[in-house]
N, C-alpha and C. Protein backbone atom coordinates (compact mmCIF):
# COMPACT_ATOMS: atom_id res chain seq x y z
N MET A 1 81.02 127.65 149.47
CA MET A 1 81.67 128.69 150.27
C MET A 1 82.68 128.06 151.22
N ASP A 2 83.78 128.74 151.42
CA ASP A 2 84.83 128.27 152.33
C ASP A 2 84.57 128.87 153.70
N LEU A 3 83.67 128.22 154.46
CA LEU A 3 83.27 128.74 155.76
C LEU A 3 84.02 128.01 156.87
N GLU A 4 84.21 128.71 157.97
CA GLU A 4 84.88 128.12 159.14
C GLU A 4 83.90 128.11 160.31
N PHE A 5 83.90 127.03 161.08
CA PHE A 5 82.99 126.87 162.19
C PHE A 5 83.78 126.80 163.49
N LYS A 6 83.33 127.57 164.48
CA LYS A 6 84.03 127.63 165.75
C LYS A 6 83.04 127.52 166.90
N ARG A 7 83.51 126.88 167.98
CA ARG A 7 82.72 126.72 169.19
C ARG A 7 83.33 127.54 170.32
N TYR A 8 82.46 128.12 171.13
CA TYR A 8 82.88 128.89 172.29
C TYR A 8 82.01 128.46 173.47
N ALA A 9 82.64 128.11 174.58
CA ALA A 9 81.91 127.65 175.75
C ALA A 9 81.94 128.72 176.84
N GLY A 10 80.77 129.06 177.36
CA GLY A 10 80.67 129.96 178.49
C GLY A 10 81.50 131.22 178.38
N PRO A 11 82.48 131.40 179.27
CA PRO A 11 83.29 132.62 179.30
C PRO A 11 84.03 132.91 177.99
N GLU A 12 84.26 131.89 177.17
CA GLU A 12 84.95 132.10 175.89
C GLU A 12 84.15 133.00 174.95
N ILE A 13 82.84 133.09 175.18
CA ILE A 13 81.99 133.91 174.31
C ILE A 13 82.42 135.37 174.36
N LYS A 14 83.01 135.78 175.48
CA LYS A 14 83.45 137.17 175.61
C LYS A 14 84.45 137.55 174.52
N ALA A 15 85.20 136.57 174.02
CA ALA A 15 86.24 136.84 173.02
C ALA A 15 85.67 137.33 171.70
N VAL A 16 84.40 136.99 171.43
CA VAL A 16 83.78 137.39 170.16
C VAL A 16 82.53 138.22 170.41
N PHE A 17 82.50 138.88 171.54
CA PHE A 17 81.33 139.68 171.91
C PHE A 17 80.96 140.69 170.83
N GLU A 18 81.94 141.46 170.35
CA GLU A 18 81.62 142.52 169.40
C GLU A 18 81.04 141.95 168.11
N SER A 19 81.63 140.87 167.62
CA SER A 19 81.15 140.27 166.37
C SER A 19 79.74 139.72 166.53
N LEU A 20 79.49 139.03 167.65
CA LEU A 20 78.18 138.45 167.88
C LEU A 20 77.13 139.54 168.09
N ALA A 21 77.47 140.56 168.84
CA ALA A 21 76.54 141.66 169.07
C ALA A 21 76.17 142.35 167.76
N HIS A 22 77.16 142.60 166.91
CA HIS A 22 76.90 143.24 165.62
C HIS A 22 76.00 142.37 164.75
N LEU A 23 76.29 141.06 164.71
CA LEU A 23 75.49 140.15 163.89
C LEU A 23 74.05 140.11 164.38
N ARG A 24 73.85 140.04 165.68
CA ARG A 24 72.50 140.02 166.23
C ARG A 24 71.74 141.30 165.86
N MET A 25 72.40 142.43 165.95
CA MET A 25 71.72 143.69 165.65
C MET A 25 71.35 143.80 164.17
N VAL A 26 72.18 143.23 163.30
CA VAL A 26 71.88 143.27 161.87
C VAL A 26 70.72 142.33 161.52
N VAL A 27 70.81 141.08 161.96
CA VAL A 27 69.79 140.09 161.58
C VAL A 27 68.45 140.38 162.24
N PHE A 28 68.47 140.78 163.49
CA PHE A 28 67.21 141.00 164.19
C PHE A 28 66.52 142.30 163.82
N ARG A 29 67.11 143.10 162.94
CA ARG A 29 66.39 144.25 162.40
C ARG A 29 65.29 143.79 161.43
N GLU A 30 65.45 142.57 160.91
CA GLU A 30 64.48 142.05 159.96
C GLU A 30 63.18 141.69 160.67
N PHE A 31 62.09 141.65 159.91
CA PHE A 31 60.83 141.14 160.42
C PHE A 31 61.01 139.65 160.73
N PRO A 32 60.47 139.13 161.83
CA PRO A 32 59.46 139.73 162.69
C PRO A 32 60.00 140.45 163.94
N TYR A 33 61.34 140.48 164.13
CA TYR A 33 61.84 141.08 165.37
C TYR A 33 61.88 142.61 165.31
N LEU A 34 62.31 143.16 164.17
CA LEU A 34 62.32 144.62 163.99
C LEU A 34 63.08 145.30 165.12
N TYR A 35 64.17 144.69 165.52
CA TYR A 35 64.93 145.08 166.70
C TYR A 35 65.86 146.25 166.42
N ALA A 36 65.63 147.35 167.10
CA ALA A 36 66.54 148.50 167.02
C ALA A 36 67.56 148.31 168.14
N GLY A 37 68.61 147.57 167.85
CA GLY A 37 69.54 147.11 168.87
C GLY A 37 70.43 148.19 169.45
N SER A 38 71.00 147.86 170.58
CA SER A 38 71.98 148.73 171.23
C SER A 38 73.05 147.85 171.86
N ILE A 39 74.25 148.37 171.95
CA ILE A 39 75.33 147.62 172.57
C ILE A 39 75.02 147.34 174.03
N GLU A 40 74.34 148.27 174.71
CA GLU A 40 74.01 148.08 176.11
C GLU A 40 73.10 146.86 176.30
N TYR A 41 72.09 146.74 175.43
CA TYR A 41 71.18 145.60 175.50
C TYR A 41 71.94 144.31 175.22
N GLU A 42 72.79 144.36 174.22
CA GLU A 42 73.57 143.17 173.85
C GLU A 42 74.49 142.74 174.97
N ARG A 43 75.12 143.69 175.61
CA ARG A 43 76.06 143.37 176.69
C ARG A 43 75.33 142.66 177.83
N GLU A 44 74.15 143.14 178.18
CA GLU A 44 73.37 142.51 179.25
C GLU A 44 72.93 141.12 178.85
N TYR A 45 72.49 140.97 177.60
CA TYR A 45 72.04 139.67 177.11
C TYR A 45 73.18 138.65 177.12
N LEU A 46 74.32 139.02 176.61
CA LEU A 46 75.44 138.08 176.47
C LEU A 46 76.09 137.74 177.80
N ARG A 47 75.91 138.60 178.78
CA ARG A 47 76.49 138.33 180.10
C ARG A 47 75.93 137.03 180.67
N THR A 48 74.68 136.75 180.42
CA THR A 48 74.05 135.52 180.92
C THR A 48 74.75 134.28 180.36
N TYR A 49 75.07 134.30 179.07
CA TYR A 49 75.71 133.15 178.44
C TYR A 49 77.17 133.01 178.88
N ALA A 50 77.84 134.13 179.01
CA ALA A 50 79.24 134.08 179.43
C ALA A 50 79.40 133.57 180.86
N ALA A 51 78.33 133.69 181.66
CA ALA A 51 78.40 133.27 183.06
C ALA A 51 78.09 131.79 183.25
N SER A 52 77.66 131.12 182.18
CA SER A 52 77.29 129.70 182.29
C SER A 52 78.35 128.81 181.67
N GLY A 53 78.92 127.92 182.47
CA GLY A 53 79.95 127.02 181.96
C GLY A 53 79.42 126.01 180.96
N ARG A 54 78.10 125.80 180.94
CA ARG A 54 77.51 124.83 180.01
C ARG A 54 76.86 125.49 178.80
N ALA A 55 76.96 126.80 178.69
CA ALA A 55 76.44 127.50 177.52
C ALA A 55 77.36 127.28 176.33
N LEU A 56 76.80 127.34 175.13
CA LEU A 56 77.59 127.14 173.92
C LEU A 56 77.22 128.17 172.87
N LEU A 57 78.23 128.71 172.23
CA LEU A 57 78.07 129.51 171.02
C LEU A 57 78.73 128.75 169.88
N PHE A 58 77.98 128.50 168.83
CA PHE A 58 78.51 127.88 167.61
C PHE A 58 78.43 128.95 166.53
N ALA A 59 79.58 129.36 166.00
CA ALA A 59 79.63 130.49 165.09
C ALA A 59 80.17 130.10 163.73
N VAL A 60 79.71 130.80 162.71
CA VAL A 60 80.13 130.58 161.33
C VAL A 60 80.89 131.82 160.87
N PHE A 61 82.07 131.60 160.31
CA PHE A 61 82.90 132.70 159.83
C PHE A 61 83.17 132.56 158.34
N ASP A 62 83.12 133.66 157.65
CA ASP A 62 83.59 133.75 156.28
C ASP A 62 84.80 134.67 156.33
N GLY A 63 85.96 134.09 156.32
CA GLY A 63 87.16 134.88 156.58
C GLY A 63 87.15 135.33 158.03
N ALA A 64 87.35 136.62 158.25
CA ALA A 64 87.35 137.16 159.61
C ALA A 64 85.97 137.57 160.08
N ASN A 65 84.97 137.48 159.23
CA ASN A 65 83.64 137.98 159.54
C ASN A 65 82.71 136.88 160.06
N MET A 66 82.10 137.11 161.22
CA MET A 66 81.07 136.21 161.71
C MET A 66 79.80 136.44 160.91
N VAL A 67 79.33 135.40 160.24
CA VAL A 67 78.16 135.54 159.36
C VAL A 67 76.96 134.75 159.85
N GLY A 68 77.17 133.95 160.88
CA GLY A 68 76.08 133.17 161.45
C GLY A 68 76.44 132.74 162.85
N ALA A 69 75.42 132.49 163.68
CA ALA A 69 75.69 132.07 165.06
C ALA A 69 74.44 131.48 165.67
N THR A 70 74.67 130.60 166.62
CA THR A 70 73.57 130.04 167.40
C THR A 70 74.07 129.77 168.81
N THR A 71 73.17 129.87 169.79
CA THR A 71 73.56 129.67 171.18
C THR A 71 72.58 128.74 171.89
N CYS A 72 73.05 128.17 172.99
CA CYS A 72 72.17 127.37 173.85
C CYS A 72 72.73 127.39 175.26
N ILE A 73 71.83 127.13 176.23
CA ILE A 73 72.19 127.26 177.63
C ILE A 73 71.19 126.47 178.48
N PRO A 74 71.61 125.86 179.59
CA PRO A 74 70.62 125.23 180.46
C PRO A 74 69.61 126.27 180.94
N LEU A 75 68.35 125.87 181.00
CA LEU A 75 67.32 126.82 181.41
C LEU A 75 67.58 127.33 182.82
N THR A 76 68.20 126.52 183.67
CA THR A 76 68.51 126.97 185.03
C THR A 76 69.47 128.15 185.05
N ASP A 77 70.22 128.35 183.97
CA ASP A 77 71.19 129.44 183.90
C ASP A 77 70.63 130.66 183.18
N GLU A 78 69.40 130.56 182.71
CA GLU A 78 68.77 131.68 182.01
C GLU A 78 68.15 132.66 183.02
N THR A 79 67.62 133.76 182.49
CA THR A 79 67.00 134.78 183.34
C THR A 79 65.63 134.32 183.81
N ASN A 80 65.11 135.00 184.80
CA ASN A 80 63.80 134.66 185.34
C ASN A 80 62.69 134.80 184.30
N ASP A 81 62.82 135.77 183.40
CA ASP A 81 61.80 135.96 182.37
C ASP A 81 61.66 134.71 181.49
N VAL A 82 62.76 134.01 181.27
CA VAL A 82 62.74 132.81 180.45
C VAL A 82 62.26 131.61 181.27
N GLN A 83 62.67 131.54 182.50
CA GLN A 83 62.30 130.41 183.36
C GLN A 83 60.85 130.45 183.83
N ALA A 84 60.32 131.65 184.06
CA ALA A 84 59.04 131.81 184.75
C ALA A 84 57.87 131.01 184.15
N PRO A 85 57.68 130.98 182.82
CA PRO A 85 56.55 130.21 182.28
C PRO A 85 56.63 128.73 182.61
N PHE A 86 57.82 128.18 182.66
CA PHE A 86 58.01 126.77 182.96
C PHE A 86 57.73 126.49 184.44
N ARG A 87 58.24 127.35 185.30
CA ARG A 87 57.98 127.17 186.73
C ARG A 87 56.48 127.27 187.02
N LYS A 88 55.82 128.22 186.37
CA LYS A 88 54.38 128.40 186.56
C LYS A 88 53.61 127.17 186.11
N ALA A 89 54.11 126.50 185.06
CA ALA A 89 53.45 125.31 184.52
C ALA A 89 53.85 124.04 185.26
N GLY A 90 54.72 124.16 186.26
CA GLY A 90 55.14 123.00 187.03
C GLY A 90 56.19 122.15 186.36
N VAL A 91 56.91 122.73 185.38
CA VAL A 91 57.96 122.01 184.67
C VAL A 91 59.28 122.15 185.43
N ASP A 92 60.00 121.06 185.58
CA ASP A 92 61.30 121.08 186.24
C ASP A 92 62.31 121.74 185.31
N VAL A 93 62.73 122.95 185.62
CA VAL A 93 63.61 123.70 184.73
C VAL A 93 64.99 123.05 184.61
N SER A 94 65.35 122.20 185.57
CA SER A 94 66.66 121.54 185.50
C SER A 94 66.70 120.48 184.40
N GLU A 95 65.56 120.15 183.82
CA GLU A 95 65.50 119.14 182.76
C GLU A 95 65.33 119.76 181.38
N VAL A 96 65.46 121.09 181.29
CA VAL A 96 65.22 121.79 180.03
C VAL A 96 66.47 122.53 179.57
N PHE A 97 66.81 122.39 178.30
CA PHE A 97 67.91 123.14 177.70
C PHE A 97 67.30 124.16 176.75
N TYR A 98 67.70 125.41 176.93
CA TYR A 98 67.12 126.52 176.17
C TYR A 98 68.01 126.91 175.00
N PHE A 99 67.41 127.08 173.83
CA PHE A 99 68.13 127.52 172.65
C PHE A 99 67.89 129.02 172.43
N GLY A 100 68.98 129.77 172.33
CA GLY A 100 68.88 131.20 172.08
C GLY A 100 68.70 131.48 170.60
N GLU A 101 69.44 132.43 170.10
CA GLU A 101 69.28 132.82 168.71
C GLU A 101 69.83 131.78 167.73
N SER A 102 69.34 131.87 166.51
CA SER A 102 69.85 131.09 165.38
C SER A 102 69.80 132.05 164.21
N ILE A 103 70.94 132.66 163.91
CA ILE A 103 70.94 133.80 162.98
C ILE A 103 71.99 133.63 161.88
N LEU A 104 71.60 134.07 160.69
CA LEU A 104 72.47 134.03 159.51
C LEU A 104 72.24 135.26 158.66
N LEU A 105 73.30 135.81 158.12
CA LEU A 105 73.13 136.88 157.14
C LEU A 105 72.42 136.30 155.92
N PRO A 106 71.60 137.10 155.24
CA PRO A 106 70.76 136.60 154.14
C PRO A 106 71.51 135.80 153.08
N GLU A 107 72.70 136.23 152.71
CA GLU A 107 73.42 135.58 151.62
C GLU A 107 73.97 134.21 151.98
N TYR A 108 73.86 133.82 153.27
CA TYR A 108 74.35 132.51 153.70
C TYR A 108 73.21 131.55 154.03
N ARG A 109 71.99 131.95 153.72
CA ARG A 109 70.84 131.09 153.97
C ARG A 109 70.64 130.13 152.80
N GLY A 110 69.95 129.04 153.08
CA GLY A 110 69.70 128.05 152.03
C GLY A 110 70.84 127.07 151.84
N LEU A 111 71.81 127.06 152.76
CA LEU A 111 72.97 126.17 152.66
C LEU A 111 72.90 125.01 153.65
N GLY A 112 71.78 124.89 154.35
CA GLY A 112 71.63 123.83 155.34
C GLY A 112 72.16 124.18 156.71
N LEU A 113 72.56 125.43 156.91
CA LEU A 113 73.15 125.81 158.19
C LEU A 113 72.10 125.87 159.31
N GLY A 114 70.85 126.13 158.95
CA GLY A 114 69.80 126.14 159.96
C GLY A 114 69.67 124.78 160.62
N HIS A 115 69.69 123.72 159.82
CA HIS A 115 69.65 122.37 160.37
C HIS A 115 70.91 122.08 161.19
N ARG A 116 72.04 122.54 160.70
CA ARG A 116 73.28 122.29 161.43
C ARG A 116 73.25 122.97 162.80
N PHE A 117 72.69 124.16 162.86
CA PHE A 117 72.57 124.85 164.13
C PHE A 117 71.77 124.01 165.13
N PHE A 118 70.64 123.45 164.68
CA PHE A 118 69.85 122.62 165.57
C PHE A 118 70.59 121.35 165.95
N ASP A 119 71.27 120.73 164.99
CA ASP A 119 72.03 119.51 165.27
C ASP A 119 73.07 119.76 166.36
N VAL A 120 73.81 120.85 166.23
CA VAL A 120 74.87 121.16 167.19
C VAL A 120 74.29 121.40 168.58
N ARG A 121 73.23 122.17 168.66
CA ARG A 121 72.65 122.47 169.97
C ARG A 121 72.02 121.24 170.61
N GLU A 122 71.31 120.45 169.82
CA GLU A 122 70.69 119.25 170.37
C GLU A 122 71.74 118.25 170.84
N THR A 123 72.83 118.13 170.10
CA THR A 123 73.92 117.24 170.50
C THR A 123 74.58 117.74 171.78
N HIS A 124 74.77 119.04 171.87
CA HIS A 124 75.38 119.63 173.07
C HIS A 124 74.50 119.36 174.29
N ALA A 125 73.20 119.59 174.16
CA ALA A 125 72.28 119.35 175.28
C ALA A 125 72.29 117.88 175.69
N ALA A 126 72.28 116.99 174.68
CA ALA A 126 72.25 115.55 174.96
C ALA A 126 73.53 115.07 175.63
N SER A 127 74.64 115.78 175.42
CA SER A 127 75.94 115.33 175.96
C SER A 127 75.96 115.30 177.48
N PHE A 128 75.05 116.03 178.12
CA PHE A 128 75.03 116.06 179.59
C PHE A 128 74.22 114.90 180.16
N GLY A 129 73.34 114.33 179.35
CA GLY A 129 72.59 113.15 179.77
C GLY A 129 71.50 113.37 180.79
N THR A 130 71.13 114.64 181.03
CA THR A 130 70.13 114.92 182.07
C THR A 130 68.95 115.74 181.59
N PHE A 131 68.98 116.18 180.36
CA PHE A 131 67.93 117.08 179.88
C PHE A 131 66.87 116.32 179.08
N ARG A 132 65.61 116.52 179.46
CA ARG A 132 64.50 115.81 178.84
C ARG A 132 63.81 116.62 177.75
N ARG A 133 64.10 117.91 177.70
CA ARG A 133 63.47 118.78 176.71
C ARG A 133 64.46 119.82 176.21
N THR A 134 64.29 120.20 174.95
CA THR A 134 64.96 121.39 174.42
C THR A 134 63.87 122.35 173.98
N CYS A 135 64.17 123.62 173.99
CA CYS A 135 63.13 124.60 173.66
C CYS A 135 63.75 125.89 173.16
N PHE A 136 62.91 126.70 172.56
CA PHE A 136 63.28 128.07 172.20
C PHE A 136 62.00 128.88 172.19
N CYS A 137 62.10 130.17 172.08
CA CYS A 137 60.90 130.99 171.98
C CYS A 137 61.00 131.91 170.77
N ALA A 138 59.85 132.29 170.26
CA ALA A 138 59.79 133.13 169.05
C ALA A 138 58.77 134.24 169.27
N VAL A 139 59.05 135.38 168.69
CA VAL A 139 58.16 136.53 168.83
C VAL A 139 56.87 136.30 168.06
N GLU A 140 55.78 136.84 168.59
CA GLU A 140 54.48 136.76 167.93
C GLU A 140 54.14 138.14 167.35
N ARG A 141 53.94 138.19 166.05
CA ARG A 141 53.51 139.42 165.39
C ARG A 141 52.20 139.15 164.66
N PRO A 142 51.28 140.11 164.63
CA PRO A 142 50.02 139.89 163.92
C PRO A 142 50.23 139.73 162.41
N ASP A 143 49.36 138.96 161.78
CA ASP A 143 49.48 138.72 160.34
C ASP A 143 49.37 140.01 159.53
N ASP A 144 48.67 141.01 160.08
CA ASP A 144 48.49 142.26 159.35
C ASP A 144 49.46 143.35 159.82
N HIS A 145 50.57 142.94 160.43
CA HIS A 145 51.55 143.93 160.89
C HIS A 145 52.04 144.73 159.68
N PRO A 146 52.09 146.06 159.79
CA PRO A 146 52.46 146.90 158.64
C PRO A 146 53.86 146.64 158.09
N ALA A 147 54.76 146.10 158.91
CA ALA A 147 56.13 145.83 158.45
C ALA A 147 56.31 144.42 157.90
N ARG A 148 55.26 143.63 157.87
CA ARG A 148 55.36 142.26 157.38
C ARG A 148 55.63 142.27 155.87
N PRO A 149 56.74 141.70 155.42
CA PRO A 149 57.06 141.72 153.99
C PRO A 149 56.05 140.89 153.18
N VAL A 150 55.84 141.29 151.97
CA VAL A 150 54.97 140.53 151.08
C VAL A 150 55.58 139.14 150.87
N GLY A 151 54.76 138.11 151.03
CA GLY A 151 55.25 136.75 150.83
C GLY A 151 56.02 136.17 151.99
N TYR A 152 56.03 136.88 153.12
CA TYR A 152 56.78 136.39 154.28
C TYR A 152 56.23 135.04 154.74
N GLN A 153 57.12 134.10 155.01
CA GLN A 153 56.74 132.78 155.52
C GLN A 153 57.45 132.53 156.85
N PRO A 154 56.69 132.33 157.92
CA PRO A 154 57.33 132.02 159.20
C PRO A 154 58.03 130.66 159.14
N LEU A 155 58.85 130.38 160.13
CA LEU A 155 59.64 129.15 160.14
C LEU A 155 58.94 127.99 160.83
N HIS A 156 57.64 128.10 161.04
CA HIS A 156 56.91 127.07 161.78
C HIS A 156 57.09 125.68 161.18
N ALA A 157 56.97 125.56 159.87
CA ALA A 157 57.07 124.24 159.23
C ALA A 157 58.47 123.65 159.44
N PHE A 158 59.49 124.48 159.35
CA PHE A 158 60.87 124.02 159.58
C PHE A 158 61.03 123.51 161.00
N TRP A 159 60.52 124.27 161.96
CA TRP A 159 60.64 123.87 163.36
C TRP A 159 59.88 122.58 163.64
N GLU A 160 58.70 122.44 163.04
CA GLU A 160 57.92 121.23 163.24
C GLU A 160 58.63 120.01 162.67
N LYS A 161 59.31 120.17 161.55
CA LYS A 161 60.08 119.05 160.98
C LYS A 161 61.22 118.64 161.89
N ARG A 162 61.69 119.58 162.69
CA ARG A 162 62.76 119.27 163.64
C ARG A 162 62.20 118.62 164.91
N GLY A 163 60.89 118.47 165.00
CA GLY A 163 60.28 117.82 166.15
C GLY A 163 59.79 118.77 167.22
N TYR A 164 59.76 120.06 166.94
CA TYR A 164 59.31 121.04 167.93
C TYR A 164 57.82 121.32 167.75
N ARG A 165 57.15 121.56 168.88
CA ARG A 165 55.74 121.86 168.86
C ARG A 165 55.49 123.14 169.65
N LYS A 166 54.65 123.96 169.09
CA LYS A 166 54.32 125.22 169.75
C LYS A 166 53.54 124.94 171.02
N ALA A 167 53.90 125.63 172.10
CA ALA A 167 53.26 125.46 173.40
C ALA A 167 52.60 126.78 173.79
N PRO A 168 51.38 127.01 173.34
CA PRO A 168 50.72 128.31 173.55
C PRO A 168 50.59 128.71 175.01
N THR A 169 50.62 127.73 175.92
CA THR A 169 50.49 128.07 177.34
C THR A 169 51.81 128.51 177.95
N LEU A 170 52.90 128.32 177.23
CA LEU A 170 54.21 128.74 177.72
C LEU A 170 54.60 130.03 176.99
N ARG A 171 54.37 131.14 177.65
CA ARG A 171 54.61 132.44 177.01
C ARG A 171 55.31 133.37 178.00
N THR A 172 56.11 134.27 177.44
CA THR A 172 56.74 135.29 178.25
C THR A 172 56.78 136.58 177.43
N LYS A 173 57.40 137.60 177.98
CA LYS A 173 57.53 138.87 177.26
C LYS A 173 58.97 139.35 177.35
N PHE A 174 59.52 139.76 176.22
CA PHE A 174 60.80 140.44 176.17
C PHE A 174 60.54 141.85 175.67
N SER A 175 61.36 142.78 176.12
CA SER A 175 61.17 144.18 175.70
C SER A 175 62.37 144.68 174.91
N TRP A 176 62.08 145.38 173.83
CA TRP A 176 63.11 146.07 173.06
C TRP A 176 62.41 147.14 172.21
N PRO A 177 63.15 148.15 171.75
CA PRO A 177 62.54 149.16 170.87
C PRO A 177 62.49 148.65 169.43
N ASP A 178 61.33 148.77 168.80
CA ASP A 178 61.23 148.44 167.38
C ASP A 178 61.94 149.51 166.56
N ILE A 179 62.27 149.18 165.33
CA ILE A 179 62.89 150.14 164.42
C ILE A 179 62.01 151.39 164.34
N GLY A 180 62.62 152.54 164.49
CA GLY A 180 61.89 153.80 164.44
C GLY A 180 61.38 154.25 165.79
N GLU A 181 61.59 153.43 166.83
CA GLU A 181 61.15 153.78 168.17
C GLU A 181 62.35 153.98 169.07
N THR A 182 62.16 154.70 170.15
CA THR A 182 63.24 154.95 171.11
C THR A 182 62.95 154.32 172.46
N ILE A 183 61.73 153.87 172.67
CA ILE A 183 61.33 153.28 173.94
C ILE A 183 61.08 151.79 173.77
N SER A 184 61.61 150.98 174.68
CA SER A 184 61.37 149.54 174.65
C SER A 184 59.92 149.24 175.01
N THR A 185 59.33 148.32 174.27
CA THR A 185 57.97 147.88 174.55
C THR A 185 57.95 146.36 174.63
N PRO A 186 57.08 145.79 175.46
CA PRO A 186 57.05 144.32 175.64
C PRO A 186 56.52 143.61 174.40
N LYS A 187 57.16 142.50 174.04
CA LYS A 187 56.74 141.67 172.91
C LYS A 187 56.37 140.28 173.43
N ASN A 188 55.26 139.74 172.93
CA ASN A 188 54.85 138.40 173.31
C ASN A 188 55.78 137.38 172.66
N MET A 189 56.28 136.46 173.47
CA MET A 189 57.16 135.39 173.01
C MET A 189 56.54 134.06 173.39
N THR A 190 56.41 133.16 172.42
CA THR A 190 55.83 131.84 172.67
C THR A 190 56.90 130.77 172.52
N PHE A 191 56.87 129.79 173.41
CA PHE A 191 57.88 128.73 173.39
C PHE A 191 57.48 127.58 172.48
N TRP A 192 58.51 126.96 171.91
CA TRP A 192 58.39 125.74 171.13
C TRP A 192 59.22 124.69 171.86
N ILE A 193 58.65 123.48 171.99
CA ILE A 193 59.25 122.43 172.83
C ILE A 193 59.48 121.16 172.04
N ARG A 194 60.59 120.51 172.35
CA ARG A 194 60.86 119.17 171.80
C ARG A 194 61.26 118.27 172.95
N ASN A 195 60.54 117.17 173.11
CA ASN A 195 60.89 116.20 174.16
C ASN A 195 62.02 115.31 173.68
N THR A 196 62.94 115.02 174.57
CA THR A 196 64.10 114.19 174.23
C THR A 196 64.19 113.03 175.21
N THR A 197 65.08 112.09 174.91
CA THR A 197 65.35 110.98 175.82
C THR A 197 66.77 111.11 176.33
N PRO A 198 66.95 111.36 177.63
CA PRO A 198 68.30 111.54 178.17
C PRO A 198 69.18 110.32 177.92
């Protein structure tokens, strides 16, 4: 595929807000997020990244269409909901770089872009020379969830190969409406951590 890769730092993310918001709403409708997205939610979410000079969006384009994207941001620039589990555990949030979404349309999966997304974010975090950990969080859904597709395999093995370990004591809650619902409900989110050497 003739794909194009572009980087956007902090306020530059505003230039592709509509494309990124649309991509997030499409991909996160899939299990396990089942996200019934709204532009209002997306606008609030993206405002955090646009306000951070050290945040990064790495996007994949097929022609004019954004087909994949990943983001990262210093944990100090994230919302309190993201920071709170670390502060409670006594972790210095200034030493942690947080990874946001890593999303691809189905037809672009299996091309190694998932690894590239991690490579780009980890390299970006390391470029500052002060971060000792990188992390992300993932939603927890029960194994018997009625919307779980037959044969569904979580990405745990992939994340572990990248050096990340699940940290059950580091948990938070994000709220959004599931598909078919109109009211946002809290979802359990568990963090995965990778220790680095500044």
